[in-house]
């Protein structure tokens, strides 16, 4: 959670606007026995943070929003499909050695494992690879399928879901990234093709961009 500590004067301003808004800047200044110029910076900060909103010839009124709620509101408008990265995939028949090479060359934390039809079968992370290699030097012959987390225990997301939901799942399941999938109905069963990847890096970049705006 993002917490912004307001000054004593800023809290007073917010309370005045809550009770009496909409209220003009000069009237707020009178309540505090200050000049309008003395309040200009505080009003600008409170407006920028989203606590107050201002309308010409009307004055200031309380928005009911904080910087945290504004960020969440912004993130919920962004769809996963708008910000997803290219996924790094391996066939389940490839080896642990292949996975190690891919994970470092592509500089990712997680690989998505597919079958010969291109459907998602599992995921493997850096931690999985480290655990699998402890006491076992035969990485060139060991199939990656021996170390991966298999479906249906793989957490995923779709392009039409919002980035906030992606962040919630990444945080809840304590994982590096999620495969972005498309559902494929195969009669009596359902499979998923991997069309993208959304990671902590994608989400951090979004926070930075929202902050800059």
Foldseek 3Di string as FASTA:
>chain_A
DDDDDDDPLLVLLLVCQAVDPPDALQVSCVVVVHHSVVCVVSVVVCVVQQQWPADPPGHIHGRPDGNVNVLVVVQQVAFCLVQFAAAAEDEQQAFLVVVVVSCVVVVAFKYFYAYPVQWTFFMAGPVLSVVVPVVPPPRRRHGCNVRTDGPPVADAAERGGTPVVQVVVCVVVVHFKHFHWDWDDDPVDITTHGGGMDGPVSVVVSSVVVVVD
